[in-house]
Amino acid sequence: MMTRAENNPSYPNLDILFGGYLNQDYHYHADSIEEIVSIYKNGITPEMRQSAIDEINRLAASCGENLDSAFYEKYGQDFNPKLWGHTTASFLDELKRLLSE
């Protein structure tokens, strides 16, 4: 069986975030994106945090106009930004902001 990291070798830190924190069981961690990202940040190194930001930038740049479908293909089984009041692009911007704090 392939793990998410094997499926998306270019995005290992995002795979951890979505596979382990921002998924259908998010409520076991916290109730808001801010709280969930804070828990994620506390469990990783500063280098991993920067790598996650870099991965967001790379994902957005490589997908361009197809960002919604590419994001859904990679992470849609675990997370839907629309359920949190975001577009894919606005969610990724918010994620970068939270990771940068």
C-alpha atoms as a PDB file:
ATOM      1  CA  MET A   1       0.000   0.000   0.000  1.00  0.00           C
ATOM      2  CA  MET A   2       1.345   3.445  -0.933  1.00  0.00           C
ATOM      3  CA  THR A   3       1.374   6.187   1.641  1.00  0.00           C
ATOM      4  CA  ARG A   4       0.346   9.738   0.825  1.00  0.00           C
ATOM      5  CA  ALA A   5       4.014  10.815   0.892  1.00  0.00           C
ATOM      6  CA  GLU A   6       4.796   8.226  -1.777  1.00  0.00           C
ATOM      7  CA  ASN A   7       1.893   9.531  -3.840  1.00  0.00           C
ATOM      8  CA  ASN A   8       3.023  13.165  -3.540  1.00  0.00           C
ATOM      9  CA  PRO A   9       6.786  13.125  -3.044  1.00  0.00           C
ATOM     10  CA  SER A  10       6.994  16.851  -3.814  1.00  0.00           C
ATOM     11  CA  TYR A  11       4.748  17.794  -0.887  1.00  0.00           C
ATOM     12  CA  PRO A  12       5.793  15.711   2.152  1.00  0.00           C
ATOM     13  CA  ASN A  13       5.058  18.438   4.722  1.00  0.00           C
ATOM     14  CA  LEU A  14       1.633  19.170   3.273  1.00  0.00           C
ATOM     15  CA  ASP A  15       0.981  15.436   3.255  1.00  0.00           C
ATOM     16  CA  ILE A  16       1.663  15.385   7.007  1.00  0.00           C
ATOM     17  CA  LEU A  17      -0.569  18.412   7.578  1.00  0.00           C
ATOM     18  CA  PHE A  18      -3.530  17.111   5.595  1.00  0.00           C
ATOM     19  CA  GLY A  19      -3.091  13.433   6.381  1.00  0.00           C
ATOM     20  CA  GLY A  20      -2.579  13.906  10.090  1.00  0.00           C
ATOM     21  CA  TYR A  21      -4.267  17.151  11.092  1.00  0.00           C
ATOM     22  CA  LEU A  22      -6.567  18.757   8.514  1.00  0.00           C
ATOM     23  CA  ASN A  23      -8.652  15.723   7.711  1.00  0.00           C
ATOM     24  CA  GLN A  24     -12.078  14.322   8.435  1.00  0.00           C
ATOM     25  CA  ASP A  25     -11.035  13.687  12.062  1.00  0.00           C
ATOM     26  CA  TYR A  26      -9.817  17.258  12.672  1.00  0.00           C
ATOM     27  CA  HIS A  27     -12.187  17.680  15.605  1.00  0.00           C
ATOM     28  CA  TYR A  28     -10.017  15.310  17.660  1.00  0.00           C
ATOM     29  CA  HIS A  29      -7.244  17.917  17.471  1.00  0.00           C
ATOM     30  CA  ALA A  30      -9.108  21.227  17.661  1.00  0.00           C
ATOM     31  CA  ASP A  31     -12.094  23.178  16.367  1.00  0.00           C
ATOM     32  CA  SER A  32     -10.522  25.815  14.138  1.00  0.00           C
ATOM     33  CA  ILE A  33      -7.936  25.964  11.385  1.00  0.00           C
ATOM     34  CA  GLU A  34      -5.844  28.294  13.536  1.00  0.00           C
ATOM     35  CA  GLU A  35      -5.769  25.800  16.418  1.00  0.00           C
ATOM     36  CA  ILE A  36      -5.064  22.834  14.149  1.00  0.00           C
ATOM     37  CA  VAL A  37      -2.196  24.604  12.397  1.00  0.00           C
ATOM     38  CA  SER A  38      -0.801  25.661  15.774  1.00  0.00           C
ATOM     39  CA  ILE A  39      -0.741  22.027  16.923  1.00  0.00           C
ATOM     40  CA  TYR A  40       0.920  21.017  13.646  1.00  0.00           C
ATOM     41  CA  LYS A  41       3.539  23.773  14.019  1.00  0.00           C
ATOM     42  CA  ASN A  42       4.352  22.647  17.555  1.00  0.00           C
ATOM     43  CA  GLY A  43       5.126  19.164  16.273  1.00  0.00           C
ATOM     44  CA  ILE A  44       7.528  20.103  13.481  1.00  0.00           C
ATOM     45  CA  THR A  45      10.848  21.873  13.104  1.00  0.00           C
ATOM     46  CA  PRO A  46      11.189  25.444  11.805  1.00  0.00           C
ATOM     47  CA  GLU A  47      12.768  23.953   8.677  1.00  0.00           C
ATOM     48  CA  MET A  48       9.711  21.764   8.090  1.00  0.00           C
ATOM     49  CA  ARG A  49       7.466  24.789   8.570  1.00  0.00           C
ATOM     50  CA  GLN A  50       9.399  26.719   5.915  1.00  0.00           C
ATOM     51  CA  SER A  51       9.323  23.677   3.649  1.00  0.00           C
ATOM     52  CA  ALA A  52       5.533  23.515   4.024  1.00  0.00           C
ATOM     53  CA  ILE A  53       5.285  27.171   2.958  1.00  0.00           C
ATOM     54  CA  ASP A  54       7.572  26.437   0.007  1.00  0.00           C
ATOM     55  CA  GLU A  55       5.404  23.446  -0.918  1.00  0.00           C
ATOM     56  CA  ILE A  56       2.279  25.641  -0.889  1.00  0.00           C
ATOM     57  CA  ASN A  57       3.983  28.121  -3.202  1.00  0.00           C
ATOM     58  CA  ARG A  58       5.175  25.322  -5.489  1.00  0.00           C
ATOM     59  CA  LEU A  59       1.737  23.692  -5.595  1.00  0.00           C
ATOM     60  CA  ALA A  60       0.026  26.978  -6.461  1.00  0.00           C
ATOM     61  CA  ALA A  61       2.617  27.859  -9.112  1.00  0.00           C
ATOM     62  CA  SER A  62       2.594  24.451 -10.755  1.00  0.00           C
ATOM     63  CA  CYS A  63      -1.196  24.169 -10.893  1.00  0.00           C
ATOM     64  CA  GLY A  64      -2.104  27.702 -11.945  1.00  0.00           C
ATOM     65  CA  GLU A  65      -5.698  27.789 -13.188  1.00  0.00           C
ATOM     66  CA  ASN A  66      -6.160  24.130 -12.231  1.00  0.00           C
ATOM     67  CA  LEU A  67      -5.446  24.697  -8.540  1.00  0.00           C
ATOM     68  CA  ASP A  68      -8.906  23.641  -7.359  1.00  0.00           C
ATOM     69  CA  SER A  69      -8.895  20.334  -9.217  1.00  0.00           C
ATOM     70  CA  ALA A  70      -5.245  19.592  -8.393  1.00  0.00           C
ATOM     71  CA  PHE A  71      -5.821  20.285  -4.701  1.00  0.00           C
ATOM     72  CA  TYR A  72      -8.943  18.142  -4.681  1.00  0.00           C
ATOM     73  CA  GLU A  73      -7.087  15.306  -6.390  1.00  0.00           C
ATOM     74  CA  LYS A  74      -4.261  15.437  -3.841  1.00  0.00           C
ATOM     75  CA  TYR A  75      -6.127  16.227  -0.625  1.00  0.00           C
ATOM     76  CA  GLY A  76      -9.874  16.278  -1.350  1.00  0.00           C
ATOM     77  CA  GLN A  77     -10.507  12.973   0.364  1.00  0.00           C
ATOM     78  CA  ASP A  78      -9.257  14.549   3.594  1.00  0.00           C
ATOM     79  CA  PHE A  79     -10.062  18.248   3.386  1.00  0.00           C
ATOM     80  CA  ASN A  80     -12.366  20.632   1.529  1.00  0.00           C
ATOM     81  CA  PRO A  81     -11.552  24.365   1.884  1.00  0.00           C
ATOM     82  CA  LYS A  82     -15.126  25.301   0.913  1.00  0.00           C
ATOM     83  CA  LEU A  83     -16.436  23.703   4.098  1.00  0.00           C
ATOM     84  CA  TRP A  84     -14.304  26.223   6.006  1.00  0.00           C
ATOM     85  CA  GLY A  85     -15.508  29.240   3.970  1.00  0.00           C
ATOM     86  CA  HIS A  86     -12.482  29.382   1.647  1.00  0.00           C
ATOM     87  CA  THR A  87     -11.569  28.899  -1.949  1.00  0.00           C
ATOM     88  CA  THR A  88      -8.523  26.720  -2.488  1.00  0.00           C
ATOM     89  CA  ALA A  89      -6.382  29.791  -3.181  1.00  0.00           C
ATOM     90  CA  SER A  90      -7.639  31.737  -0.157  1.00  0.00           C
ATOM     91  CA  PHE A  91      -7.168  28.714   2.078  1.00  0.00           C
ATOM     92  CA  LEU A  92      -3.583  28.217   0.922  1.00  0.00           C
ATOM     93  CA  ASP A  93      -2.906  31.919   1.531  1.00  0.00           C
ATOM     94  CA  GLU A  94      -4.358  31.598   5.035  1.00  0.00           C
ATOM     95  CA  LEU A  95      -2.289  28.491   5.637  1.00  0.00           C
ATOM     96  CA  LYS A  96       0.888  30.327   4.616  1.00  0.00           C
ATOM     97  CA  ARG A  97      -0.007  33.191   6.942  1.00  0.00           C
ATOM     98  CA  LEU A  98      -0.572  30.851   9.879  1.00  0.00           C
ATOM     99  CA  LEU A  99       2.617  28.926   9.194  1.00  0.00           C
ATOM    100  CA  SER A 100       4.587  32.183   8.994  1.00  0.00           C
ATOM    101  CA  GLU A 101       3.460  33.445  12.400  1.00  0.00           C
END
